[in-house]
Amino acid sequence: MGTDPLPLVITALVAGLLAGYGIAIPVGAIGTYLVALTARTNLRVGAAAALGVATADGLYALVATLGGSAIAPALAPITTPLKWISVAVLLTLAARGAVTAFTQHRRIQSTNNSAVPLPTPIRAYITLLGMTLLNPTTIIYFTALVLGGQDTTTPTYLEQSLFILAAFAASASWQLLLSGSGALLGRLLTSPRARLLTALASSALITALAVQILITTI
């Protein structure tokens, strides 16, 4: 009898959603710029910029997933140590995010972006895509998640695709929420307290993902 693929599909979807939200939730410099951009221009420009950020997250998820799967057979003998390393990387990212959030919150310095508003949705998309791709934390984050979550069995193409699509969808939904809020919730979401809370929420989610890997390793 064959193995029911439904649990694996659901697992891949949930993992992708959690991964996408984990990297997207903190409202940092890019999130602040995204909200301010929408407030200064219009929803079309803001939505295009949001999809640019989500596309970068999806591309990094793709690179990490394909790269991890390609080297999975060679890493099979050291699967357990690799999981421990992945847990350490994720916990480090979570701690770094929380410490950075507290540090920035204590400074209580306002960030005023004097950049010229992007005139077209296409230019907004390309600009935010490039800005997000320059963030090395994203690829480190996804690589740690992918390698930490692997066992000796190579994920199927369906599982990989669902993980990548779910990560993109999660990031896109959050970025579109930020851009859609624009002038309405922009000041609230980009205030020092809100940025601290979103960063701490992201650190908590990343910690939970690390704990999940740890539980499956023990």
N, C-alpha and C. Protein backbone atom coordinates (compact mmCIF):
# COMPACT_ATOMS: atom_id res chain seq x y z
N MET A 1 0.84 -1.20 0.00
CA MET A 1 0.00 0.00 0.00
C MET A 1 0.87 1.25 0.00
N GLY A 2 0.47 2.26 -0.76
CA GLY A 2 1.25 3.48 -0.83
C GLY A 2 1.01 4.38 0.36
N THR A 3 1.93 5.27 0.57
CA THR A 3 1.81 6.22 1.68
C THR A 3 0.89 7.37 1.29
N ASP A 4 0.01 7.73 2.21
CA ASP A 4 -0.91 8.83 1.95
C ASP A 4 -0.12 10.12 1.85
N PRO A 5 -0.17 10.83 0.70
CA PRO A 5 0.65 12.04 0.53
C PRO A 5 0.04 13.26 1.20
N LEU A 6 -1.22 13.18 1.64
CA LEU A 6 -1.89 14.36 2.20
C LEU A 6 -1.17 14.94 3.41
N PRO A 7 -0.77 14.11 4.40
CA PRO A 7 -0.04 14.70 5.54
C PRO A 7 1.24 15.42 5.13
N LEU A 8 1.95 14.87 4.14
CA LEU A 8 3.18 15.51 3.69
C LEU A 8 2.89 16.84 3.00
N VAL A 9 1.79 16.87 2.25
CA VAL A 9 1.39 18.10 1.57
C VAL A 9 1.04 19.17 2.59
N ILE A 10 0.26 18.80 3.60
CA ILE A 10 -0.14 19.75 4.63
C ILE A 10 1.08 20.24 5.40
N THR A 11 2.00 19.32 5.70
CA THR A 11 3.22 19.70 6.42
C THR A 11 4.04 20.70 5.61
N ALA A 12 4.16 20.46 4.31
CA ALA A 12 4.93 21.38 3.45
C ALA A 12 4.26 22.75 3.39
N LEU A 13 2.94 22.77 3.30
CA LEU A 13 2.21 24.04 3.26
C LEU A 13 2.39 24.83 4.56
N VAL A 14 2.19 24.14 5.68
CA VAL A 14 2.32 24.81 6.98
C VAL A 14 3.75 25.31 7.19
N ALA A 15 4.73 24.47 6.83
CA ALA A 15 6.14 24.87 6.99
C ALA A 15 6.44 26.10 6.14
N GLY A 16 5.93 26.12 4.92
CA GLY A 16 6.16 27.28 4.06
C GLY A 16 5.51 28.54 4.59
N LEU A 17 4.28 28.41 5.09
CA LEU A 17 3.58 29.57 5.64
C LEU A 17 4.31 30.13 6.85
N LEU A 18 4.71 29.24 7.76
CA LEU A 18 5.42 29.68 8.96
C LEU A 18 6.75 30.34 8.59
N ALA A 19 7.45 29.75 7.61
CA ALA A 19 8.73 30.31 7.19
C ALA A 19 8.54 31.69 6.57
N GLY A 20 7.51 31.82 5.74
CA GLY A 20 7.25 33.11 5.10
C GLY A 20 6.89 34.20 6.09
N TYR A 21 6.01 33.87 7.03
CA TYR A 21 5.63 34.86 8.03
C TYR A 21 6.79 35.18 8.98
N GLY A 22 7.61 34.16 9.26
CA GLY A 22 8.73 34.38 10.17
C GLY A 22 9.70 35.42 9.67
N ILE A 23 9.94 35.45 8.36
CA ILE A 23 10.89 36.42 7.80
C ILE A 23 10.19 37.72 7.44
N ALA A 24 8.87 37.70 7.23
CA ALA A 24 8.17 38.89 6.73
C ALA A 24 7.62 39.79 7.82
N ILE A 25 7.26 39.22 8.97
CA ILE A 25 6.51 39.97 9.98
C ILE A 25 7.23 41.20 10.54
N PRO A 26 8.53 41.10 10.89
CA PRO A 26 9.15 42.28 11.49
C PRO A 26 9.10 43.50 10.57
N VAL A 27 8.58 44.61 11.08
CA VAL A 27 8.49 45.84 10.29
C VAL A 27 9.78 46.61 10.48
N GLY A 28 10.74 46.33 9.61
CA GLY A 28 12.02 47.01 9.68
C GLY A 28 12.09 48.15 8.69
N ALA A 29 13.29 48.39 8.16
CA ALA A 29 13.48 49.51 7.24
C ALA A 29 12.66 49.35 5.97
N ILE A 30 12.64 48.12 5.41
CA ILE A 30 11.90 47.89 4.17
C ILE A 30 10.40 48.01 4.40
N GLY A 31 9.92 47.43 5.52
CA GLY A 31 8.51 47.53 5.83
C GLY A 31 8.07 48.97 6.05
N THR A 32 8.91 49.72 6.74
CA THR A 32 8.60 51.13 6.98
C THR A 32 8.56 51.91 5.66
N TYR A 33 9.54 51.62 4.80
CA TYR A 33 9.57 52.29 3.50
C TYR A 33 8.35 51.93 2.67
N LEU A 34 7.94 50.66 2.75
CA LEU A 34 6.78 50.19 1.99
C LEU A 34 5.51 50.92 2.40
N VAL A 35 5.30 51.05 3.71
CA VAL A 35 4.11 51.74 4.20
C VAL A 35 4.15 53.21 3.80
N ALA A 36 5.32 53.85 3.99
CA ALA A 36 5.45 55.26 3.65
C ALA A 36 5.26 55.49 2.16
N LEU A 37 5.76 54.54 1.36
CA LEU A 37 5.62 54.66 -0.09
C LEU A 37 4.15 54.66 -0.50
N THR A 38 3.38 53.73 0.07
CA THR A 38 1.96 53.66 -0.26
C THR A 38 1.22 54.91 0.18
N ALA A 39 1.59 55.41 1.35
CA ALA A 39 0.94 56.62 1.86
C ALA A 39 1.22 57.82 0.97
N ARG A 40 2.43 57.85 0.36
CA ARG A 40 2.81 58.99 -0.47
C ARG A 40 2.30 58.87 -1.90
N THR A 41 2.07 57.63 -2.36
CA THR A 41 1.67 57.45 -3.76
C THR A 41 0.25 56.92 -3.84
N ASN A 42 0.09 55.63 -4.16
CA ASN A 42 -1.24 55.02 -4.23
C ASN A 42 -1.13 53.53 -4.00
N LEU A 43 -2.28 52.86 -3.92
CA LEU A 43 -2.31 51.44 -3.59
C LEU A 43 -1.67 50.58 -4.67
N ARG A 44 -1.81 50.96 -5.93
CA ARG A 44 -1.20 50.18 -7.01
C ARG A 44 0.32 50.14 -6.87
N VAL A 45 0.92 51.28 -6.60
CA VAL A 45 2.37 51.33 -6.42
C VAL A 45 2.77 50.53 -5.19
N GLY A 46 2.02 50.70 -4.09
CA GLY A 46 2.33 49.99 -2.86
C GLY A 46 2.20 48.48 -3.02
N ALA A 47 1.16 48.03 -3.72
CA ALA A 47 0.97 46.60 -3.93
C ALA A 47 2.09 46.01 -4.78
N ALA A 48 2.50 46.74 -5.81
CA ALA A 48 3.60 46.28 -6.66
C ALA A 48 4.89 46.16 -5.84
N ALA A 49 5.14 47.15 -4.99
CA ALA A 49 6.33 47.11 -4.15
C ALA A 49 6.26 45.93 -3.18
N ALA A 50 5.07 45.67 -2.62
CA ALA A 50 4.88 44.55 -1.70
C ALA A 50 5.19 43.23 -2.39
N LEU A 51 4.73 43.08 -3.63
CA LEU A 51 5.00 41.85 -4.37
C LEU A 51 6.49 41.73 -4.71
N GLY A 52 7.17 42.85 -4.83
CA GLY A 52 8.62 42.81 -5.04
C GLY A 52 9.33 42.20 -3.84
N VAL A 53 8.92 42.61 -2.64
CA VAL A 53 9.49 42.05 -1.42
C VAL A 53 9.18 40.56 -1.33
N ALA A 54 7.92 40.19 -1.58
CA ALA A 54 7.52 38.79 -1.50
C ALA A 54 8.24 37.93 -2.54
N THR A 55 8.47 38.48 -3.72
CA THR A 55 9.19 37.74 -4.76
C THR A 55 10.61 37.43 -4.32
N ALA A 56 11.26 38.38 -3.67
CA ALA A 56 12.61 38.14 -3.16
C ALA A 56 12.61 37.02 -2.13
N ASP A 57 11.63 37.05 -1.22
CA ASP A 57 11.52 35.98 -0.21
C ASP A 57 11.28 34.63 -0.89
N GLY A 58 10.41 34.63 -1.91
CA GLY A 58 10.14 33.39 -2.63
C GLY A 58 11.36 32.87 -3.37
N LEU A 59 12.13 33.77 -3.97
CA LEU A 59 13.35 33.36 -4.68
C LEU A 59 14.36 32.76 -3.71
N TYR A 60 14.51 33.37 -2.55
CA TYR A 60 15.44 32.83 -1.56
C TYR A 60 14.97 31.48 -1.05
N ALA A 61 13.65 31.33 -0.88
CA ALA A 61 13.10 30.03 -0.48
C ALA A 61 13.38 28.98 -1.56
N LEU A 62 13.26 29.39 -2.82
CA LEU A 62 13.54 28.50 -3.94
C LEU A 62 15.00 28.07 -3.95
N VAL A 63 15.90 29.04 -3.81
CA VAL A 63 17.34 28.73 -3.82
C VAL A 63 17.70 27.81 -2.66
N ALA A 64 17.19 28.12 -1.48
CA ALA A 64 17.51 27.30 -0.30
C ALA A 64 16.94 25.89 -0.44
N THR A 65 15.71 25.79 -0.97
CA THR A 65 15.08 24.48 -1.11
C THR A 65 15.80 23.62 -2.13
N LEU A 66 16.06 24.16 -3.32
CA LEU A 66 16.74 23.40 -4.36
C LEU A 66 18.17 23.06 -3.96
N GLY A 67 18.84 24.02 -3.34
CA GLY A 67 20.21 23.76 -2.90
C GLY A 67 20.27 22.71 -1.82
N GLY A 68 19.33 22.81 -0.86
CA GLY A 68 19.30 21.83 0.22
C GLY A 68 18.99 20.44 -0.28
N SER A 69 18.06 20.35 -1.22
CA SER A 69 17.68 19.05 -1.77
C SER A 69 18.81 18.44 -2.58
N ALA A 70 19.56 19.27 -3.27
CA ALA A 70 20.64 18.77 -4.11
C ALA A 70 21.76 18.13 -3.30
N ILE A 71 22.02 18.70 -2.13
CA ILE A 71 23.13 18.18 -1.33
C ILE A 71 22.65 17.25 -0.21
N ALA A 72 21.32 17.01 -0.15
CA ALA A 72 20.76 16.18 0.92
C ALA A 72 21.38 14.78 0.97
N PRO A 73 21.54 14.07 -0.18
CA PRO A 73 22.14 12.73 -0.11
C PRO A 73 23.54 12.74 0.48
N ALA A 74 24.34 13.75 0.13
CA ALA A 74 25.71 13.82 0.64
C ALA A 74 25.73 14.13 2.13
N LEU A 75 24.69 14.84 2.60
CA LEU A 75 24.64 15.23 4.00
C LEU A 75 23.95 14.20 4.89
N ALA A 76 23.44 13.13 4.28
CA ALA A 76 22.70 12.12 5.04
C ALA A 76 23.47 11.58 6.25
N PRO A 77 24.78 11.30 6.13
CA PRO A 77 25.51 10.77 7.29
C PRO A 77 25.63 11.75 8.45
N ILE A 78 25.49 13.04 8.17
CA ILE A 78 25.64 14.03 9.25
C ILE A 78 24.32 14.79 9.47
N THR A 79 23.21 14.10 9.25
CA THR A 79 21.91 14.75 9.38
C THR A 79 21.69 15.33 10.76
N THR A 80 21.99 14.56 11.80
CA THR A 80 21.75 15.03 13.17
C THR A 80 22.60 16.25 13.53
N PRO A 81 23.93 16.22 13.30
CA PRO A 81 24.71 17.43 13.58
C PRO A 81 24.23 18.64 12.79
N LEU A 82 23.80 18.39 11.55
CA LEU A 82 23.32 19.48 10.71
C LEU A 82 22.06 20.11 11.30
N LYS A 83 21.19 19.27 11.85
CA LYS A 83 19.98 19.78 12.48
C LYS A 83 20.34 20.66 13.69
N TRP A 84 21.33 20.22 14.46
CA TRP A 84 21.75 21.01 15.62
C TRP A 84 22.31 22.37 15.18
N ILE A 85 23.07 22.35 14.09
CA ILE A 85 23.61 23.61 13.56
C ILE A 85 22.49 24.51 13.09
N SER A 86 21.48 23.93 12.43
CA SER A 86 20.35 24.71 11.95
C SER A 86 19.59 25.34 13.11
N VAL A 87 19.40 24.56 14.16
CA VAL A 87 18.74 25.09 15.36
C VAL A 87 19.52 26.26 15.93
N ALA A 88 20.86 26.11 15.99
CA ALA A 88 21.70 27.18 16.52
C ALA A 88 21.61 28.43 15.66
N VAL A 89 21.58 28.25 14.34
CA VAL A 89 21.48 29.40 13.44
C VAL A 89 20.16 30.12 13.63
N LEU A 90 19.06 29.36 13.69
CA LEU A 90 17.73 29.97 13.85
C LEU A 90 17.62 30.69 15.19
N LEU A 91 18.11 30.07 16.25
CA LEU A 91 18.06 30.72 17.56
C LEU A 91 18.92 31.98 17.58
N THR A 92 20.04 31.94 16.87
CA THR A 92 20.89 33.14 16.78
C THR A 92 20.17 34.26 16.05
N LEU A 93 19.50 33.92 14.95
CA LEU A 93 18.73 34.92 14.20
C LEU A 93 17.61 35.49 15.06
N ALA A 94 16.94 34.62 15.81
CA ALA A 94 15.85 35.08 16.67
C ALA A 94 16.38 36.02 17.75
N ALA A 95 17.50 35.62 18.39
CA ALA A 95 18.08 36.46 19.44
C ALA A 95 18.59 37.78 18.87
N ARG A 96 19.23 37.70 17.71
CA ARG A 96 19.73 38.92 17.07
C ARG A 96 18.59 39.87 16.73
N GLY A 97 17.50 39.31 16.22
CA GLY A 97 16.35 40.15 15.90
C GLY A 97 15.77 40.83 17.12
N ALA A 98 15.67 40.08 18.22
CA ALA A 98 15.12 40.65 19.44
C ALA A 98 16.04 41.72 20.03
N VAL A 99 17.34 41.42 20.07
CA VAL A 99 18.31 42.39 20.61
C VAL A 99 18.32 43.66 19.78
N THR A 100 18.33 43.50 18.46
CA THR A 100 18.32 44.66 17.56
C THR A 100 17.07 45.49 17.77
N ALA A 101 15.94 44.80 17.94
CA ALA A 101 14.67 45.52 18.15
C ALA A 101 14.72 46.35 19.42
N PHE A 102 15.22 45.76 20.50
CA PHE A 102 15.32 46.49 21.76
C PHE A 102 16.28 47.66 21.65
N THR A 103 17.41 47.43 20.96
CA THR A 103 18.40 48.50 20.79
C THR A 103 17.82 49.68 20.03
N GLN A 104 17.15 49.37 18.92
CA GLN A 104 16.55 50.43 18.11
C GLN A 104 15.42 51.13 18.87
N HIS A 105 14.69 50.36 19.66
CA HIS A 105 13.59 50.95 20.41
C HIS A 105 14.11 51.93 21.46
N ARG A 106 15.24 51.58 22.07
CA ARG A 106 15.80 52.45 23.11
C ARG A 106 16.32 53.76 22.51
N ARG A 107 16.77 53.69 21.27
CA ARG A 107 17.30 54.90 20.64
C ARG A 107 16.19 55.93 20.38
N ILE A 108 14.99 55.43 20.17
CA ILE A 108 13.82 56.29 19.91
C ILE A 108 14.17 57.36 18.88
N GLN A 109 14.66 56.88 17.77
CA GLN A 109 14.99 57.83 16.71
C GLN A 109 14.03 57.64 15.55
N SER A 110 13.53 58.72 15.06
CA SER A 110 12.59 58.66 13.96
C SER A 110 13.35 58.44 12.66
N THR A 111 12.77 57.67 11.76
CA THR A 111 13.37 57.41 10.47
C THR A 111 12.56 58.09 9.39
N ASN A 112 13.15 59.09 8.81
CA ASN A 112 12.46 59.82 7.74
C ASN A 112 13.15 59.53 6.42
N ASN A 113 12.46 58.76 5.58
CA ASN A 113 13.01 58.45 4.26
C ASN A 113 12.75 59.60 3.31
N SER A 114 13.82 60.17 2.79
CA SER A 114 13.68 61.30 1.88
C SER A 114 13.74 60.87 0.42
N ALA A 115 13.61 59.54 0.19
CA ALA A 115 13.68 59.05 -1.18
C ALA A 115 12.51 59.58 -1.99
N VAL A 116 12.78 59.75 -3.28
CA VAL A 116 11.75 60.24 -4.18
C VAL A 116 10.71 59.14 -4.36
N PRO A 117 9.41 59.48 -4.26
CA PRO A 117 8.37 58.46 -4.44
C PRO A 117 8.49 57.79 -5.80
N LEU A 118 8.30 56.48 -5.82
CA LEU A 118 8.40 55.75 -7.07
C LEU A 118 7.16 56.03 -7.92
N PRO A 119 7.35 56.44 -9.17
CA PRO A 119 6.23 56.88 -9.99
C PRO A 119 5.39 55.78 -10.60
N THR A 120 5.97 54.58 -10.82
CA THR A 120 5.21 53.53 -11.48
C THR A 120 5.26 52.23 -10.67
N PRO A 121 4.22 51.38 -10.80
CA PRO A 121 4.23 50.09 -10.11
C PRO A 121 5.42 49.21 -10.49
N ILE A 122 5.80 49.22 -11.78
CA ILE A 122 6.91 48.39 -12.24
C ILE A 122 8.22 48.80 -11.56
N ARG A 123 8.45 50.10 -11.51
CA ARG A 123 9.69 50.58 -10.87
C ARG A 123 9.66 50.28 -9.37
N ALA A 124 8.49 50.40 -8.75
CA ALA A 124 8.37 50.09 -7.33
C ALA A 124 8.67 48.61 -7.08
N TYR A 125 8.15 47.75 -7.94
CA TYR A 125 8.39 46.31 -7.81
C TYR A 125 9.88 45.99 -7.90
N ILE A 126 10.54 46.52 -8.94
CA ILE A 126 11.95 46.23 -9.15
C ILE A 126 12.81 46.78 -8.01
N THR A 127 12.49 47.98 -7.56
CA THR A 127 13.27 48.60 -6.49
C THR A 127 13.19 47.81 -5.20
N LEU A 128 11.98 47.44 -4.79
CA LEU A 128 11.82 46.69 -3.54
C LEU A 128 12.36 45.28 -3.67
N LEU A 129 12.27 44.70 -4.87
CA LEU A 129 12.86 43.38 -5.09
C LEU A 129 14.37 43.45 -4.87
N GLY A 130 15.00 44.46 -5.44
CA GLY A 130 16.44 44.61 -5.28
C GLY A 130 16.84 44.90 -3.84
N MET A 131 16.09 45.75 -3.17
CA MET A 131 16.39 46.07 -1.77
C MET A 131 16.33 44.83 -0.89
N THR A 132 15.32 43.99 -1.13
CA THR A 132 15.15 42.80 -0.30
C THR A 132 16.19 41.74 -0.62
N LEU A 133 16.57 41.61 -1.88
CA LEU A 133 17.58 40.62 -2.27
C LEU A 133 18.94 40.92 -1.66
N LEU A 134 19.17 42.18 -1.29
CA LEU A 134 20.45 42.56 -0.70
C LEU A 134 20.55 42.19 0.78
N ASN A 135 19.46 41.63 1.33
CA ASN A 135 19.46 41.26 2.74
C ASN A 135 19.96 39.82 2.89
N PRO A 136 21.18 39.59 3.37
CA PRO A 136 21.72 38.23 3.46
C PRO A 136 21.04 37.39 4.53
N THR A 137 20.38 38.02 5.50
CA THR A 137 19.72 37.27 6.56
C THR A 137 18.65 36.35 6.00
N THR A 138 18.00 36.76 4.92
CA THR A 138 16.90 35.98 4.36
C THR A 138 17.38 34.63 3.85
N ILE A 139 18.46 34.59 3.09
CA ILE A 139 18.95 33.33 2.55
C ILE A 139 19.49 32.44 3.67
N ILE A 140 20.13 33.04 4.67
CA ILE A 140 20.62 32.26 5.81
C ILE A 140 19.45 31.63 6.55
N TYR A 141 18.40 32.41 6.72
CA TYR A 141 17.20 31.96 7.43
C TYR A 141 16.56 30.77 6.71
N PHE A 142 16.30 30.91 5.41
CA PHE A 142 15.64 29.84 4.66
C PHE A 142 16.53 28.60 4.56
N THR A 143 17.83 28.79 4.38
CA THR A 143 18.73 27.64 4.29
C THR A 143 18.74 26.85 5.58
N ALA A 144 18.78 27.55 6.72
CA ALA A 144 18.76 26.87 8.01
C ALA A 144 17.46 26.10 8.20
N LEU A 145 16.35 26.70 7.78
CA LEU A 145 15.06 26.02 7.90
C LEU A 145 15.00 24.77 7.03
N VAL A 146 15.42 24.90 5.78
CA VAL A 146 15.33 23.79 4.83
C VAL A 146 16.23 22.64 5.26
N LEU A 147 17.50 22.95 5.55
CA LEU A 147 18.44 21.90 5.93
C LEU A 147 18.09 21.30 7.28
N GLY A 148 17.62 22.14 8.20
CA GLY A 148 17.25 21.64 9.52
C GLY A 148 16.03 20.75 9.48
N GLY A 149 15.13 20.99 8.52
CA GLY A 149 13.91 20.20 8.45
C GLY A 149 14.03 18.94 7.63
N GLN A 150 15.17 18.73 6.99
CA GLN A 150 15.34 17.55 6.15
C GLN A 150 15.77 16.35 6.96
N ASP A 151 15.36 15.18 6.46
CA ASP A 151 15.87 13.92 7.01
C ASP A 151 16.57 13.18 5.87
N THR A 152 16.71 11.88 6.01
CA THR A 152 17.41 11.13 4.98
C THR A 152 16.59 10.99 3.70
N THR A 153 15.31 11.31 3.76
CA THR A 153 14.44 11.22 2.58
C THR A 153 14.38 12.56 1.87
N THR A 154 14.69 12.57 0.60
CA THR A 154 14.64 13.81 -0.18
C THR A 154 13.19 14.21 -0.43
N PRO A 155 12.83 15.46 -0.13
CA PRO A 155 11.45 15.90 -0.36
C PRO A 155 11.07 15.78 -1.83
N THR A 156 9.80 15.49 -2.08
CA THR A 156 9.33 15.39 -3.45
C THR A 156 9.24 16.78 -4.07
N TYR A 157 9.13 16.83 -5.40
CA TYR A 157 9.00 18.12 -6.08
C TYR A 157 7.72 18.82 -5.64
N LEU A 158 6.68 18.04 -5.36
CA LEU A 158 5.42 18.64 -4.91
C LEU A 158 5.61 19.33 -3.56
N GLU A 159 6.28 18.65 -2.64
CA GLU A 159 6.52 19.23 -1.31
C GLU A 159 7.38 20.49 -1.42
N GLN A 160 8.42 20.42 -2.25
CA GLN A 160 9.28 21.58 -2.43
C GLN A 160 8.51 22.75 -3.02
N SER A 161 7.69 22.45 -4.03
CA SER A 161 6.91 23.51 -4.68
C SER A 161 5.92 24.14 -3.71
N LEU A 162 5.26 23.31 -2.92
CA LEU A 162 4.28 23.82 -1.96
C LEU A 162 4.95 24.67 -0.89
N PHE A 163 6.12 24.25 -0.44
CA PHE A 163 6.87 25.03 0.56
C PHE A 163 7.20 26.41 0.00
N ILE A 164 7.73 26.44 -1.22
CA ILE A 164 8.13 27.71 -1.84
C ILE A 164 6.92 28.62 -2.07
N LEU A 165 5.85 28.04 -2.61
CA LEU A 165 4.64 28.83 -2.89
C LEU A 165 4.01 29.34 -1.60
N ALA A 166 4.00 28.51 -0.56
CA ALA A 166 3.43 28.92 0.72
C ALA A 166 4.26 30.03 1.35
N ALA A 167 5.59 29.93 1.25
CA ALA A 167 6.46 30.98 1.78
C ALA A 167 6.21 32.29 1.05
N PHE A 168 6.08 32.21 -0.28
CA PHE A 168 5.79 33.41 -1.07
C PHE A 168 4.43 33.99 -0.69
N ALA A 169 3.42 33.12 -0.56
CA ALA A 169 2.06 33.58 -0.24
C ALA A 169 2.02 34.26 1.12
N ALA A 170 2.73 33.68 2.10
CA ALA A 170 2.75 34.26 3.44
C ALA A 170 3.40 35.64 3.41
N SER A 171 4.55 35.72 2.76
CA SER A 171 5.25 37.00 2.66
C SER A 171 4.40 38.02 1.91
N ALA A 172 3.79 37.58 0.79
CA ALA A 172 2.97 38.49 -0.01
C ALA A 172 1.79 39.01 0.77
N SER A 173 1.12 38.13 1.54
CA SER A 173 -0.06 38.55 2.29
C SER A 173 0.30 39.60 3.34
N TRP A 174 1.46 39.41 3.99
CA TRP A 174 1.87 40.38 5.01
C TRP A 174 2.30 41.70 4.37
N GLN A 175 3.08 41.62 3.32
CA GLN A 175 3.54 42.85 2.66
C GLN A 175 2.37 43.62 2.05
N LEU A 176 1.38 42.89 1.50
CA LEU A 176 0.20 43.55 0.95
C LEU A 176 -0.63 44.18 2.07
N LEU A 177 -0.62 43.55 3.24
CA LEU A 177 -1.30 44.14 4.39
C LEU A 177 -0.65 45.46 4.77
N LEU A 178 0.68 45.47 4.76
CA LEU A 178 1.40 46.71 5.08
C LEU A 178 1.10 47.80 4.06
N SER A 179 1.19 47.43 2.78
CA SER A 179 0.95 48.43 1.75
C SER A 179 -0.50 48.87 1.73
N GLY A 180 -1.42 47.91 1.97
CA GLY A 180 -2.83 48.25 1.98
C GLY A 180 -3.21 49.14 3.14
N SER A 181 -2.51 48.96 4.26
CA SER A 181 -2.80 49.81 5.41
C SER A 181 -2.40 51.25 5.13
N GLY A 182 -1.24 51.38 4.44
CA GLY A 182 -0.75 52.68 4.00
C GLY A 182 -0.97 53.81 4.98
N ALA A 183 -1.71 54.80 4.56
CA ALA A 183 -1.93 55.98 5.38
C ALA A 183 -2.80 55.67 6.60
N LEU A 184 -3.65 54.62 6.50
CA LEU A 184 -4.58 54.33 7.59
C LEU A 184 -3.86 53.81 8.83
N LEU A 185 -3.01 52.78 8.64
CA LEU A 185 -2.31 52.19 9.77
C LEU A 185 -0.81 52.41 9.73
N GLY A 186 -0.36 53.16 8.76
CA GLY A 186 1.07 53.35 8.58
C GLY A 186 1.79 53.84 9.81
N ARG A 187 1.26 54.87 10.44
CA ARG A 187 1.93 55.43 11.62
C ARG A 187 1.92 54.45 12.78
N LEU A 188 0.84 53.66 12.89
CA LEU A 188 0.77 52.70 13.99
C LEU A 188 1.76 51.57 13.79
N LEU A 189 1.84 51.02 12.56
CA LEU A 189 2.70 49.88 12.30
C LEU A 189 4.18 50.24 12.29
N THR A 190 4.49 51.49 11.99
CA THR A 190 5.90 51.89 11.93
C THR A 190 6.34 52.70 13.14
N SER A 191 5.49 52.79 14.15
CA SER A 191 5.89 53.47 15.38
C SER A 191 6.94 52.64 16.10
N PRO A 192 7.76 53.24 16.96
CA PRO A 192 8.79 52.47 17.67
C PRO A 192 8.24 51.26 18.42
N ARG A 193 7.09 51.43 19.09
CA ARG A 193 6.52 50.32 19.86
C ARG A 193 6.04 49.20 18.94
N ALA A 194 5.40 49.56 17.82
CA ALA A 194 4.91 48.54 16.89
C ALA A 194 6.05 47.77 16.25
N ARG A 195 7.12 48.48 15.90
CA ARG A 195 8.28 47.82 15.31
C ARG A 195 8.92 46.86 16.31
N LEU A 196 8.94 47.24 17.58
CA LEU A 196 9.48 46.36 18.62
C LEU A 196 8.62 45.11 18.74
N LEU A 197 7.30 45.28 18.78
CA LEU A 197 6.39 44.15 18.96
C LEU A 197 6.44 43.20 17.76
N THR A 198 6.48 43.73 16.55
CA THR A 198 6.53 42.85 15.38
C THR A 198 7.86 42.10 15.31
N ALA A 199 8.94 42.77 15.69
CA ALA A 199 10.25 42.10 15.70
C ALA A 199 10.28 40.98 16.74
N LEU A 200 9.70 41.24 17.92
CA LEU A 200 9.66 40.21 18.97
C LEU A 200 8.75 39.06 18.55
N ALA A 201 7.65 39.37 17.86
CA ALA A 201 6.76 38.30 17.38
C ALA A 201 7.49 37.42 16.36
N SER A 202 8.27 38.05 15.49
CA SER A 202 9.04 37.28 14.52
C SER A 202 10.08 36.41 15.20
N SER A 203 10.77 36.96 16.20
CA SER A 203 11.78 36.19 16.94
C SER A 203 11.14 35.00 17.64
N ALA A 204 9.94 35.22 18.18
CA ALA A 204 9.24 34.12 18.85
C ALA A 204 8.86 33.03 17.86
N LEU A 205 8.43 33.42 16.66
CA LEU A 205 8.07 32.44 15.64
C LEU A 205 9.29 31.67 15.17
N ILE A 206 10.40 32.36 14.94
CA ILE A 206 11.63 31.69 14.52
C ILE A 206 12.11 30.74 15.60
N THR A 207 12.00 31.14 16.87
CA THR A 207 12.38 30.28 17.99
C THR A 207 11.52 29.02 18.00
N ALA A 208 10.21 29.19 17.74
CA ALA A 208 9.30 28.04 17.71
C ALA A 208 9.69 27.07 16.59
N LEU A 209 10.09 27.61 15.44
CA LEU A 209 10.53 26.75 14.34
C LEU A 209 11.79 25.98 14.73
N ALA A 210 12.71 26.66 15.43
CA ALA A 210 13.94 26.00 15.88
C ALA A 210 13.62 24.89 16.89
N VAL A 211 12.68 25.17 17.79
CA VAL A 211 12.28 24.17 18.78
C VAL A 211 11.65 22.97 18.10
N GLN A 212 10.87 23.22 17.05
CA GLN A 212 10.24 22.12 16.31
C GLN A 212 11.30 21.20 15.70
N ILE A 213 12.34 21.80 15.11
CA ILE A 213 13.44 21.01 14.55
C ILE A 213 14.14 20.24 15.65
N LEU A 214 14.33 20.90 16.80
CA LEU A 214 15.01 20.28 17.92
C LEU A 214 14.25 19.06 18.43
N ILE A 215 12.92 19.19 18.50
CA ILE A 215 12.09 18.08 18.99
C ILE A 215 12.19 16.87 18.06
N THR A 216 12.21 17.13 16.75
CA THR A 216 12.29 16.03 15.80
C THR A 216 13.69 15.40 15.79
N THR A 217 14.68 16.13 16.31
CA THR A 217 16.04 15.61 16.33
C THR A 217 16.30 14.72 17.53
N ILE A 218 15.70 15.10 18.65
CA ILE A 218 15.94 14.34 19.90
C ILE A 218 15.30 12.95 19.82
